[in-house]
Amino acid sequence: DFLPKIKIEVVVPDTLVNKVIEVIMVTARTGKIGDGKIFVLPVQEGI
């Protein structure tokens, strides 16, 4: 039922968000079912 996957987490400035999403989409895509998902969440603060 549960397939092995890798979860990558990065925190980036707003200026890099679209570029990072594009890089992940293009690089991780195989064109077959199960290629994965990308989620974008706001970060209130980083220290």
ModelCIF file with pLDDT and N, C-alpha, C, O atoms, coordinates in Angstrom:
data_MODEL
#
_entry.id   MODEL 
#
_entity.id                         1 
_entity.type                       polymer 
_entity.pdbx_number_of_molecules   1 
#
_entity_poly.entity_id                      1 
_entity_poly.type                           'polypeptide(L)' 
_entity_poly.nstd_linkage                   no 
_entity_poly.nstd_monomer                   no 
_entity_poly.pdbx_seq_one_letter_code       DFLPKIKIEVVVPDTLVNKVIEVIMVTARTGKIGDGKIFVLPVQEGI 
_entity_poly.pdbx_seq_one_letter_code_can   DFLPKIKIEVVVPDTLVNKVIEVIMVTARTGKIGDGKIFVLPVQEGI 
_entity_poly.pdbx_strand_id                 A 
#
loop_
_entity_poly_seq.entity_id 
_entity_poly_seq.num 
_entity_poly_seq.mon_id 
_entity_poly_seq.hetero 
1 1  ASP n 
1 2  PHE n 
1 3  LEU n 
1 4  PRO n 
1 5  LYS n 
1 6  ILE n 
1 7  LYS n 
1 8  ILE n 
1 9  GLU n 
1 10 VAL n 
1 11 VAL n 
1 12 VAL n 
1 13 PRO n 
1 14 ASP n 
1 15 THR n 
1 16 LEU n 
1 17 VAL n 
1 18 ASN n 
1 19 LYS n 
1 20 VAL n 
1 21 ILE n 
1 22 GLU n 
1 23 VAL n 
1 24 ILE n 
1 25 MET n 
1 26 VAL n 
1 27 THR n 
1 28 ALA n 
1 29 ARG n 
1 30 THR n 
1 31 GLY n 
1 32 LYS n 
1 33 ILE n 
1 34 GLY n 
1 35 ASP n 
1 36 GLY n 
1 37 LYS n 
1 38 ILE n 
1 39 PHE n 
1 40 VAL n 
1 41 LEU n 
1 42 PRO n 
1 43 VAL n 
1 44 GLN n 
1 45 GLU n 
1 46 GLY n 
1 47 ILE n 
#
_struct_asym.id          A 
_struct_asym.entity_id   1 
#
loop_
_ma_qa_metric.id 
_ma_qa_metric.mode 
_ma_qa_metric.name 
_ma_qa_metric.software_group_id 
_ma_qa_metric.type 
1 global pLDDT . pLDDT 
2 local  pLDDT . pLDDT 
#
_ma_qa_metric_global.metric_id      1 
_ma_qa_metric_global.metric_value   94.30 
_ma_qa_metric_global.model_id       1 
_ma_qa_metric_global.ordinal_id     1 
#
loop_
_ma_qa_metric_local.label_asym_id 
_ma_qa_metric_local.label_comp_id 
_ma_qa_metric_local.label_seq_id 
_ma_qa_metric_local.metric_id 
_ma_qa_metric_local.metric_value 
_ma_qa_metric_local.model_id 
_ma_qa_metric_local.ordinal_id 
A ASP 1  2 75.00 1 1  
A PHE 2  2 79.00 1 2  
A LEU 3  2 84.00 1 3  
A PRO 4  2 89.00 1 4  
A LYS 5  2 94.00 1 5  
A ILE 6  2 97.00 1 6  
A LYS 7  2 98.00 1 7  
A ILE 8  2 98.00 1 8  
A GLU 9  2 98.00 1 9  
A VAL 10 2 97.00 1 10 
A VAL 11 2 96.00 1 11 
A VAL 12 2 96.00 1 12 
A PRO 13 2 95.00 1 13 
A ASP 14 2 95.00 1 14 
A THR 15 2 94.00 1 15 
A LEU 16 2 95.00 1 16 
A VAL 17 2 97.00 1 17 
A ASN 18 2 97.00 1 18 
A LYS 19 2 97.00 1 19 
A VAL 20 2 98.00 1 20 
A ILE 21 2 98.00 1 21 
A GLU 22 2 98.00 1 22 
A VAL 23 2 98.00 1 23 
A ILE 24 2 98.00 1 24 
A MET 25 2 97.00 1 25 
A VAL 26 2 97.00 1 26 
A THR 27 2 97.00 1 27 
A ALA 28 2 97.00 1 28 
A ARG 29 2 96.00 1 29 
A THR 30 2 94.00 1 30 
A GLY 31 2 92.00 1 31 
A LYS 32 2 88.00 1 32 
A ILE 33 2 85.00 1 33 
A GLY 34 2 85.00 1 34 
A ASP 35 2 91.00 1 35 
A GLY 36 2 93.00 1 36 
A LYS 37 2 96.00 1 37 
A ILE 38 2 98.00 1 38 
A PHE 39 2 98.00 1 39 
A VAL 40 2 98.00 1 40 
A LEU 41 2 98.00 1 41 
A PRO 42 2 97.00 1 42 
A VAL 43 2 96.00 1 43 
A GLN 44 2 95.00 1 44 
A GLU 45 2 95.00 1 45 
A GLY 46 2 93.00 1 46 
A ILE 47 2 95.00 1 47 
#
loop_
_atom_site.group_PDB 
_atom_site.id 
_atom_site.type_symbol 
_atom_site.label_atom_id 
_atom_site.label_alt_id 
_atom_site.label_comp_id 
_atom_site.label_asym_id 
_atom_site.label_entity_id 
_atom_site.label_seq_id 
_atom_site.pdbx_PDB_ins_code 
_atom_site.Cartn_x 
_atom_site.Cartn_y 
_atom_site.Cartn_z 
_atom_site.occupancy 
_atom_site.B_iso_or_equiv 
_atom_site.pdbx_formal_charge 
_atom_site.auth_seq_id 
_atom_site.auth_comp_id 
_atom_site.auth_asym_id 
_atom_site.auth_atom_id 
_atom_site.pdbx_PDB_model_num 
ATOM 1   N N  . ASP A 1 1  ? 0.817  -1.211 0.000   1.00 75.00 ? 1  ASP A N  1 
ATOM 2   C CA . ASP A 1 1  ? 0.000  0.000  0.000   1.00 75.00 ? 1  ASP A CA 1 
ATOM 3   C C  . ASP A 1 1  ? 0.853  1.264  0.000   1.00 75.00 ? 1  ASP A C  1 
ATOM 4   O O  . ASP A 1 1  ? 0.531  2.238  -0.680  1.00 75.00 ? 1  ASP A O  1 
ATOM 5   N N  . PHE A 1 2  ? 1.937  1.244  0.762   1.00 79.00 ? 2  PHE A N  1 
ATOM 6   C CA . PHE A 1 2  ? 2.777  2.429  0.883   1.00 79.00 ? 2  PHE A CA 1 
ATOM 7   C C  . PHE A 1 2  ? 4.056  2.232  0.092   1.00 79.00 ? 2  PHE A C  1 
ATOM 8   O O  . PHE A 1 2  ? 4.803  1.279  0.312   1.00 79.00 ? 2  PHE A O  1 
ATOM 9   N N  . LEU A 1 3  ? 4.294  3.148  -0.830  1.00 84.00 ? 3  LEU A N  1 
ATOM 10  C CA . LEU A 1 3  ? 5.459  3.061  -1.693  1.00 84.00 ? 3  LEU A CA 1 
ATOM 11  C C  . LEU A 1 3  ? 6.576  3.965  -1.169  1.00 84.00 ? 3  LEU A C  1 
ATOM 12  O O  . LEU A 1 3  ? 6.296  5.027  -0.613  1.00 84.00 ? 3  LEU A O  1 
ATOM 13  N N  . PRO A 1 4  ? 7.832  3.562  -1.338  1.00 89.00 ? 4  PRO A N  1 
ATOM 14  C CA . PRO A 1 4  ? 8.938  4.399  -0.876  1.00 89.00 ? 4  PRO A CA 1 
ATOM 15  C C  . PRO A 1 4  ? 9.046  5.671  -1.712  1.00 89.00 ? 4  PRO A C  1 
ATOM 16  O O  . PRO A 1 4  ? 8.990  5.627  -2.941  1.00 89.00 ? 4  PRO A O  1 
ATOM 17  N N  . LYS A 1 5  ? 9.202  6.796  -1.033  1.00 94.00 ? 5  LYS A N  1 
ATOM 18  C CA . LYS A 1 5  ? 9.357  8.097  -1.683  1.00 94.00 ? 5  LYS A CA 1 
ATOM 19  C C  . LYS A 1 5  ? 10.424 8.875  -0.927  1.00 94.00 ? 5  LYS A C  1 
ATOM 20  O O  . LYS A 1 5  ? 10.855 8.462  0.150   1.00 94.00 ? 5  LYS A O  1 
ATOM 21  N N  . ILE A 1 6  ? 10.842 9.985  -1.484  1.00 97.00 ? 6  ILE A N  1 
ATOM 22  C CA . ILE A 1 6  ? 11.768 10.901 -0.830  1.00 97.00 ? 6  ILE A CA 1 
ATOM 23  C C  . ILE A 1 6  ? 11.055 12.231 -0.652  1.00 97.00 ? 6  ILE A C  1 
ATOM 24  O O  . ILE A 1 6  ? 10.409 12.733 -1.571  1.00 97.00 ? 6  ILE A O  1 
ATOM 25  N N  . LYS A 1 7  ? 11.183 12.795 0.545   1.00 98.00 ? 7  LYS A N  1 
ATOM 26  C CA . LYS A 1 7  ? 10.612 14.113 0.820   1.00 98.00 ? 7  LYS A CA 1 
ATOM 27  C C  . LYS A 1 7  ? 11.764 15.100 0.946   1.00 98.00 ? 7  LYS A C  1 
ATOM 28  O O  . LYS A 1 7  ? 12.642 14.948 1.795   1.00 98.00 ? 7  LYS A O  1 
ATOM 29  N N  . ILE A 1 8  ? 11.746 16.114 0.085   1.00 98.00 ? 8  ILE A N  1 
ATOM 30  C CA . ILE A 1 8  ? 12.745 17.176 0.111   1.00 98.00 ? 8  ILE A CA 1 
ATOM 31  C C  . ILE A 1 8  ? 12.077 18.417 0.682   1.00 98.00 ? 8  ILE A C  1 
ATOM 32  O O  . ILE A 1 8  ? 11.001 18.812 0.233   1.00 98.00 ? 8  ILE A O  1 
ATOM 33  N N  . GLU A 1 9  ? 12.712 19.030 1.669   1.00 98.00 ? 9  GLU A N  1 
ATOM 34  C CA . GLU A 1 9  ? 12.206 20.257 2.269   1.00 98.00 ? 9  GLU A CA 1 
ATOM 35  C C  . GLU A 1 9  ? 13.270 21.344 2.138   1.00 98.00 ? 9  GLU A C  1 
ATOM 36  O O  . GLU A 1 9  ? 14.417 21.152 2.541   1.00 98.00 ? 9  GLU A O  1 
ATOM 37  N N  . VAL A 1 10 ? 12.881 22.479 1.575   1.00 97.00 ? 10 VAL A N  1 
ATOM 38  C CA . VAL A 1 10 ? 13.785 23.624 1.472   1.00 97.00 ? 10 VAL A CA 1 
ATOM 39  C C  . VAL A 1 10 ? 13.020 24.880 1.874   1.00 97.00 ? 10 VAL A C  1 
ATOM 40  O O  . VAL A 1 10 ? 11.821 25.003 1.621   1.00 97.00 ? 10 VAL A O  1 
ATOM 41  N N  . VAL A 1 11 ? 13.726 25.798 2.498   1.00 96.00 ? 11 VAL A N  1 
ATOM 42  C CA . VAL A 1 11 ? 13.162 27.110 2.802   1.00 96.00 ? 11 VAL A CA 1 
ATOM 43  C C  . VAL A 1 11 ? 13.964 28.116 1.987   1.00 96.00 ? 11 VAL A C  1 
ATOM 44  O O  . VAL A 1 11 ? 15.190 28.183 2.086   1.00 96.00 ? 11 VAL A O  1 
ATOM 45  N N  . VAL A 1 12 ? 13.245 28.899 1.177   1.00 96.00 ? 12 VAL A N  1 
ATOM 46  C CA . VAL A 1 12 ? 13.909 29.833 0.267   1.00 96.00 ? 12 VAL A CA 1 
ATOM 47  C C  . VAL A 1 12 ? 13.262 31.212 0.351   1.00 96.00 ? 12 VAL A C  1 
ATOM 48  O O  . VAL A 1 12 ? 12.108 31.340 0.760   1.00 96.00 ? 12 VAL A O  1 
ATOM 49  N N  . PRO A 1 13 ? 14.015 32.246 -0.040  1.00 95.00 ? 13 PRO A N  1 
ATOM 50  C CA . PRO A 1 13 ? 13.402 33.576 -0.126  1.00 95.00 ? 13 PRO A CA 1 
ATOM 51  C C  . PRO A 1 13 ? 12.317 33.580 -1.201  1.00 95.00 ? 13 PRO A C  1 
ATOM 52  O O  . PRO A 1 13 ? 12.346 32.762 -2.120  1.00 95.00 ? 13 PRO A O  1 
ATOM 53  N N  . ASP A 1 14 ? 11.370 34.490 -1.086  1.00 95.00 ? 14 ASP A N  1 
ATOM 54  C CA . ASP A 1 14 ? 10.272 34.567 -2.055  1.00 95.00 ? 14 ASP A CA 1 
ATOM 55  C C  . ASP A 1 14 ? 10.770 34.698 -3.490  1.00 95.00 ? 14 ASP A C  1 
ATOM 56  O O  . ASP A 1 14 ? 10.103 34.244 -4.420  1.00 95.00 ? 14 ASP A O  1 
ATOM 57  N N  . THR A 1 15 ? 11.925 35.307 -3.677  1.00 94.00 ? 15 THR A N  1 
ATOM 58  C CA . THR A 1 15 ? 12.453 35.523 -5.025  1.00 94.00 ? 15 THR A CA 1 
ATOM 59  C C  . THR A 1 15 ? 12.876 34.229 -5.708  1.00 94.00 ? 15 THR A C  1 
ATOM 60  O O  . THR A 1 15 ? 12.963 34.192 -6.936  1.00 94.00 ? 15 THR A O  1 
ATOM 61  N N  . LEU A 1 16 ? 13.140 33.170 -4.952  1.00 95.00 ? 16 LEU A N  1 
ATOM 62  C CA . LEU A 1 16 ? 13.589 31.897 -5.538  1.00 95.00 ? 16 LEU A CA 1 
ATOM 63  C C  . LEU A 1 16 ? 12.480 30.858 -5.683  1.00 95.00 ? 16 LEU A C  1 
ATOM 64  O O  . LEU A 1 16 ? 12.701 29.807 -6.284  1.00 95.00 ? 16 LEU A O  1 
ATOM 65  N N  . VAL A 1 17 ? 11.296 31.131 -5.147  1.00 97.00 ? 17 VAL A N  1 
ATOM 66  C CA . VAL A 1 17 ? 10.241 30.119 -5.086  1.00 97.00 ? 17 VAL A CA 1 
ATOM 67  C C  . VAL A 1 17 ? 9.903  29.548 -6.465  1.00 97.00 ? 17 VAL A C  1 
ATOM 68  O O  . VAL A 1 17 ? 9.926  28.331 -6.649  1.00 97.00 ? 17 VAL A O  1 
ATOM 69  N N  . ASN A 1 18 ? 9.597  30.395 -7.417  1.00 97.00 ? 18 ASN A N  1 
ATOM 70  C CA . ASN A 1 18 ? 9.192  29.899 -8.745  1.00 97.00 ? 18 ASN A CA 1 
ATOM 71  C C  . ASN A 1 18 ? 10.306 29.116 -9.426  1.00 97.00 ? 18 ASN A C  1 
ATOM 72  O O  . ASN A 1 18 ? 10.038 28.112 -10.086 1.00 97.00 ? 18 ASN A O  1 
ATOM 73  N N  . LYS A 1 19 ? 11.545 29.555 -9.279  1.00 97.00 ? 19 LYS A N  1 
ATOM 74  C CA . LYS A 1 19 ? 12.676 28.862 -9.891  1.00 97.00 ? 19 LYS A CA 1 
ATOM 75  C C  . LYS A 1 19 ? 12.861 27.473 -9.270  1.00 97.00 ? 19 LYS A C  1 
ATOM 76  O O  . LYS A 1 19 ? 13.102 26.496 -9.979  1.00 97.00 ? 19 LYS A O  1 
ATOM 77  N N  . VAL A 1 20 ? 12.746 27.396 -7.942  1.00 98.00 ? 20 VAL A N  1 
ATOM 78  C CA . VAL A 1 20 ? 12.899 26.106 -7.257  1.00 98.00 ? 20 VAL A CA 1 
ATOM 79  C C  . VAL A 1 20 ? 11.791 25.141 -7.669  1.00 98.00 ? 20 VAL A C  1 
ATOM 80  O O  . VAL A 1 20 ? 12.054 23.965 -7.920  1.00 98.00 ? 20 VAL A O  1 
ATOM 81  N N  . ILE A 1 21 ? 10.570 25.626 -7.740  1.00 98.00 ? 21 ILE A N  1 
ATOM 82  C CA . ILE A 1 21 ? 9.446  24.780 -8.170  1.00 98.00 ? 21 ILE A CA 1 
ATOM 83  C C  . ILE A 1 21 ? 9.693  24.254 -9.579  1.00 98.00 ? 21 ILE A C  1 
ATOM 84  O O  . ILE A 1 21 ? 9.503  23.068 -9.847  1.00 98.00 ? 21 ILE A O  1 
ATOM 85  N N  . GLU A 1 22 ? 10.113 25.132 -10.472 1.00 98.00 ? 22 GLU A N  1 
ATOM 86  C CA . GLU A 1 22 ? 10.368 24.731 -11.864 1.00 98.00 ? 22 GLU A CA 1 
ATOM 87  C C  . GLU A 1 22 ? 11.471 23.680 -11.942 1.00 98.00 ? 22 GLU A C  1 
ATOM 88  O O  . GLU A 1 22 ? 11.343 22.700 -12.677 1.00 98.00 ? 22 GLU A O  1 
ATOM 89  N N  . VAL A 1 23 ? 12.555 23.878 -11.187 1.00 98.00 ? 23 VAL A N  1 
ATOM 90  C CA . VAL A 1 23 ? 13.663 22.923 -11.191 1.00 98.00 ? 23 VAL A CA 1 
ATOM 91  C C  . VAL A 1 23 ? 13.199 21.559 -10.708 1.00 98.00 ? 23 VAL A C  1 
ATOM 92  O O  . VAL A 1 23 ? 13.536 20.541 -11.312 1.00 98.00 ? 23 VAL A O  1 
ATOM 93  N N  . ILE A 1 24 ? 12.428 21.527 -9.626  1.00 98.00 ? 24 ILE A N  1 
ATOM 94  C CA . ILE A 1 24 ? 11.943 20.245 -9.112  1.00 98.00 ? 24 ILE A CA 1 
ATOM 95  C C  . ILE A 1 24 ? 11.011 19.584 -10.111 1.00 98.00 ? 24 ILE A C  1 
ATOM 96  O O  . ILE A 1 24 ? 11.119 18.383 -10.360 1.00 98.00 ? 24 ILE A O  1 
ATOM 97  N N  . MET A 1 25 ? 10.092 20.356 -10.688 1.00 97.00 ? 25 MET A N  1 
ATOM 98  C CA . MET A 1 25 ? 9.133  19.785 -11.645 1.00 97.00 ? 25 MET A CA 1 
ATOM 99  C C  . MET A 1 25 ? 9.839  19.174 -12.850 1.00 97.00 ? 25 MET A C  1 
ATOM 100 O O  . MET A 1 25 ? 9.540  18.048 -13.247 1.00 97.00 ? 25 MET A O  1 
ATOM 101 N N  . VAL A 1 26 ? 10.763 19.911 -13.420 1.00 97.00 ? 26 VAL A N  1 
ATOM 102 C CA . VAL A 1 26 ? 11.447 19.438 -14.628 1.00 97.00 ? 26 VAL A CA 1 
ATOM 103 C C  . VAL A 1 26 ? 12.355 18.245 -14.315 1.00 97.00 ? 26 VAL A C  1 
ATOM 104 O O  . VAL A 1 26 ? 12.397 17.276 -15.073 1.00 97.00 ? 26 VAL A O  1 
ATOM 105 N N  . THR A 1 27 ? 13.073 18.320 -13.206 1.00 97.00 ? 27 THR A N  1 
ATOM 106 C CA . THR A 1 27 ? 14.061 17.292 -12.888 1.00 97.00 ? 27 THR A CA 1 
ATOM 107 C C  . THR A 1 27 ? 13.427 16.004 -12.380 1.00 97.00 ? 27 THR A C  1 
ATOM 108 O O  . THR A 1 27 ? 13.905 14.918 -12.707 1.00 97.00 ? 27 THR A O  1 
ATOM 109 N N  . ALA A 1 28 ? 12.365 16.099 -11.592 1.00 97.00 ? 28 ALA A N  1 
ATOM 110 C CA . ALA A 1 28 ? 11.756 14.898 -11.001 1.00 97.00 ? 28 ALA A CA 1 
ATOM 111 C C  . ALA A 1 28 ? 10.744 14.221 -11.913 1.00 97.00 ? 28 ALA A C  1 
ATOM 112 O O  . ALA A 1 28 ? 10.330 13.094 -11.640 1.00 97.00 ? 28 ALA A O  1 
ATOM 113 N N  . ARG A 1 29 ? 10.342 14.877 -12.982 1.00 96.00 ? 29 ARG A N  1 
ATOM 114 C CA . ARG A 1 29 ? 9.294  14.335 -13.856 1.00 96.00 ? 29 ARG A CA 1 
ATOM 115 C C  . ARG A 1 29 ? 9.809  13.158 -14.678 1.00 96.00 ? 29 ARG A C  1 
ATOM 116 O O  . ARG A 1 29 ? 10.853 13.242 -15.324 1.00 96.00 ? 29 ARG A O  1 
ATOM 117 N N  . THR A 1 30 ? 9.049  12.045 -14.641 1.00 94.00 ? 30 THR A N  1 
ATOM 118 C CA . THR A 1 30 ? 9.321  10.907 -15.518 1.00 94.00 ? 30 THR A CA 1 
ATOM 119 C C  . THR A 1 30 ? 8.184  10.740 -16.528 1.00 94.00 ? 30 THR A C  1 
ATOM 120 O O  . THR A 1 30 ? 8.331  10.052 -17.538 1.00 94.00 ? 30 THR A O  1 
ATOM 121 N N  . GLY A 1 31 ? 7.043  11.384 -16.236 1.00 92.00 ? 31 GLY A N  1 
ATOM 122 C CA . GLY A 1 31 ? 5.886  11.254 -17.108 1.00 92.00 ? 31 GLY A CA 1 
ATOM 123 C C  . GLY A 1 31 ? 5.000  10.083 -16.741 1.00 92.00 ? 31 GLY A C  1 
ATOM 124 O O  . GLY A 1 31 ? 4.008  9.818  -17.421 1.00 92.00 ? 31 GLY A O  1 
ATOM 125 N N  . LYS A 1 32 ? 5.345  9.378  -15.672 1.00 88.00 ? 32 LYS A N  1 
ATOM 126 C CA . LYS A 1 32 ? 4.560  8.223  -15.245 1.00 88.00 ? 32 LYS A CA 1 
ATOM 127 C C  . LYS A 1 32 ? 3.883  8.529  -13.920 1.00 88.00 ? 32 LYS A C  1 
ATOM 128 O O  . LYS A 1 32 ? 4.288  9.435  -13.191 1.00 88.00 ? 32 LYS A O  1 
ATOM 129 N N  . ILE A 1 33 ? 2.848  7.757  -13.621 1.00 85.00 ? 33 ILE A N  1 
ATOM 130 C CA . ILE A 1 33 ? 2.123  7.950  -12.380 1.00 85.00 ? 33 ILE A CA 1 
ATOM 131 C C  . ILE A 1 33 ? 3.078  7.782  -11.196 1.00 85.00 ? 33 ILE A C  1 
ATOM 132 O O  . ILE A 1 33 ? 3.963  6.927  -11.218 1.00 85.00 ? 33 ILE A O  1 
ATOM 133 N N  . GLY A 1 34 ? 2.888  8.607  -10.164 1.00 85.00 ? 34 GLY A N  1 
ATOM 134 C CA . GLY A 1 34 ? 3.732  8.515  -8.980  1.00 85.00 ? 34 GLY A CA 1 
ATOM 135 C C  . GLY A 1 34 ? 4.930  9.435  -8.982  1.00 85.00 ? 34 GLY A C  1 
ATOM 136 O O  . GLY A 1 34 ? 5.817  9.294  -8.140  1.00 85.00 ? 34 GLY A O  1 
ATOM 137 N N  . ASP A 1 35 ? 4.977  10.384 -9.921  1.00 91.00 ? 35 ASP A N  1 
ATOM 138 C CA . ASP A 1 35 ? 6.110  11.319 -9.970  1.00 91.00 ? 35 ASP A CA 1 
ATOM 139 C C  . ASP A 1 35 ? 6.192  12.180 -8.718  1.00 91.00 ? 35 ASP A C  1 
ATOM 140 O O  . ASP A 1 35 ? 7.282  12.620 -8.352  1.00 91.00 ? 35 ASP A O  1 
ATOM 141 N N  . GLY A 1 36 ? 5.076  12.431 -8.054  1.00 93.00 ? 36 GLY A N  1 
ATOM 142 C CA . GLY A 1 36 ? 5.120  13.135 -6.789  1.00 93.00 ? 36 GLY A CA 1 
ATOM 143 C C  . GLY A 1 36 ? 4.300  14.404 -6.749  1.00 93.00 ? 36 GLY A C  1 
ATOM 144 O O  . GLY A 1 36 ? 3.483  14.674 -7.629  1.00 93.00 ? 36 GLY A O  1 
ATOM 145 N N  . LYS A 1 37 ? 4.541  15.180 -5.701  1.00 96.00 ? 37 LYS A N  1 
ATOM 146 C CA . LYS A 1 37 ? 3.808  16.416 -5.459  1.00 96.00 ? 37 LYS A CA 1 
ATOM 147 C C  . LYS A 1 37 ? 4.768  17.464 -4.918  1.00 96.00 ? 37 LYS A C  1 
ATOM 148 O O  . LYS A 1 37 ? 5.823  17.140 -4.374  1.00 96.00 ? 37 LYS A O  1 
ATOM 149 N N  . ILE A 1 38 ? 4.378  18.737 -5.079  1.00 98.00 ? 38 ILE A N  1 
ATOM 150 C CA . ILE A 1 38 ? 5.107  19.862 -4.503  1.00 98.00 ? 38 ILE A CA 1 
ATOM 151 C C  . ILE A 1 38 ? 4.102  20.692 -3.713  1.00 98.00 ? 38 ILE A C  1 
ATOM 152 O O  . ILE A 1 38 ? 3.013  21.000 -4.198  1.00 98.00 ? 38 ILE A O  1 
ATOM 153 N N  . PHE A 1 39 ? 4.483  21.047 -2.493  1.00 98.00 ? 39 PHE A N  1 
ATOM 154 C CA . PHE A 1 39 ? 3.651  21.898 -1.643  1.00 98.00 ? 39 PHE A CA 1 
ATOM 155 C C  . PHE A 1 39 ? 4.462  23.134 -1.261  1.00 98.00 ? 39 PHE A C  1 
ATOM 156 O O  . PHE A 1 39 ? 5.655  23.039 -0.973  1.00 98.00 ? 39 PHE A O  1 
ATOM 157 N N  . VAL A 1 40 ? 3.806  24.287 -1.260  1.00 98.00 ? 40 VAL A N  1 
ATOM 158 C CA . VAL A 1 40 ? 4.456  25.540 -0.884  1.00 98.00 ? 40 VAL A CA 1 
ATOM 159 C C  . VAL A 1 40 ? 3.721  26.102 0.323   1.00 98.00 ? 40 VAL A C  1 
ATOM 160 O O  . VAL A 1 40 ? 2.506  26.294 0.292   1.00 98.00 ? 40 VAL A O  1 
ATOM 161 N N  . LEU A 1 41 ? 4.476  26.363 1.390   1.00 98.00 ? 41 LEU A N  1 
ATOM 162 C CA . LEU A 1 41 ? 3.903  26.858 2.637   1.00 98.00 ? 41 LEU A CA 1 
ATOM 163 C C  . LEU A 1 41 ? 4.590  28.163 3.040   1.00 98.00 ? 41 LEU A C  1 
ATOM 164 O O  . LEU A 1 41 ? 5.790  28.326 2.820   1.00 98.00 ? 41 LEU A O  1 
ATOM 165 N N  . PRO A 1 42 ? 3.837  29.087 3.627   1.00 97.00 ? 42 PRO A N  1 
ATOM 166 C CA . PRO A 1 42 ? 4.471  30.319 4.115   1.00 97.00 ? 42 PRO A CA 1 
ATOM 167 C C  . PRO A 1 42 ? 5.304  30.035 5.363   1.00 97.00 ? 42 PRO A C  1 
ATOM 168 O O  . PRO A 1 42 ? 4.942  29.198 6.189   1.00 97.00 ? 42 PRO A O  1 
ATOM 169 N N  . VAL A 1 43 ? 6.419  30.742 5.485   1.00 96.00 ? 43 VAL A N  1 
ATOM 170 C CA . VAL A 1 43 ? 7.261  30.641 6.675   1.00 96.00 ? 43 VAL A CA 1 
ATOM 171 C C  . VAL A 1 43 ? 7.222  31.997 7.364   1.00 96.00 ? 43 VAL A C  1 
ATOM 172 O O  . VAL A 1 43 ? 7.621  33.008 6.785   1.00 96.00 ? 43 VAL A O  1 
ATOM 173 N N  . GLN A 1 44 ? 6.751  32.014 8.578   1.00 95.00 ? 44 GLN A N  1 
ATOM 174 C CA . GLN A 1 44 ? 6.615  33.263 9.309   1.00 95.00 ? 44 GLN A CA 1 
ATOM 175 C C  . GLN A 1 44 ? 7.972  33.808 9.738   1.00 95.00 ? 44 GLN A C  1 
ATOM 176 O O  . GLN A 1 44 ? 8.209  35.013 9.661   1.00 95.00 ? 44 GLN A O  1 
ATOM 177 N N  . GLU A 1 45 ? 8.855  32.937 10.186  1.00 95.00 ? 45 GLU A N  1 
ATOM 178 C CA . GLU A 1 45 ? 10.155 33.386 10.672  1.00 95.00 ? 45 GLU A CA 1 
ATOM 179 C C  . GLU A 1 45 ? 11.163 32.259 10.575  1.00 95.00 ? 45 GLU A C  1 
ATOM 180 O O  . GLU A 1 45 ? 10.810 31.087 10.701  1.00 95.00 ? 45 GLU A O  1 
ATOM 181 N N  . GLY A 1 46 ? 12.414 32.614 10.351  1.00 93.00 ? 46 GLY A N  1 
ATOM 182 C CA . GLY A 1 46 ? 13.509 31.661 10.372  1.00 93.00 ? 46 GLY A CA 1 
ATOM 183 C C  . GLY A 1 46 ? 14.635 32.266 11.186  1.00 93.00 ? 46 GLY A C  1 
ATOM 184 O O  . GLY A 1 46 ? 14.951 33.446 11.036  1.00 93.00 ? 46 GLY A O  1 
ATOM 185 N N  . ILE A 1 47 ? 15.239 31.466 12.043  1.00 95.00 ? 47 ILE A N  1 
ATOM 186 C CA . ILE A 1 47 ? 16.300 31.955 12.914  1.00 95.00 ? 47 ILE A CA 1 
ATOM 187 C C  . ILE A 1 47 ? 17.462 30.972 12.875  1.00 95.00 ? 47 ILE A C  1 
ATOM 188 O O  . ILE A 1 47 ? 18.475 31.187 13.542  1.00 95.00 ? 47 ILE A O  1 
#
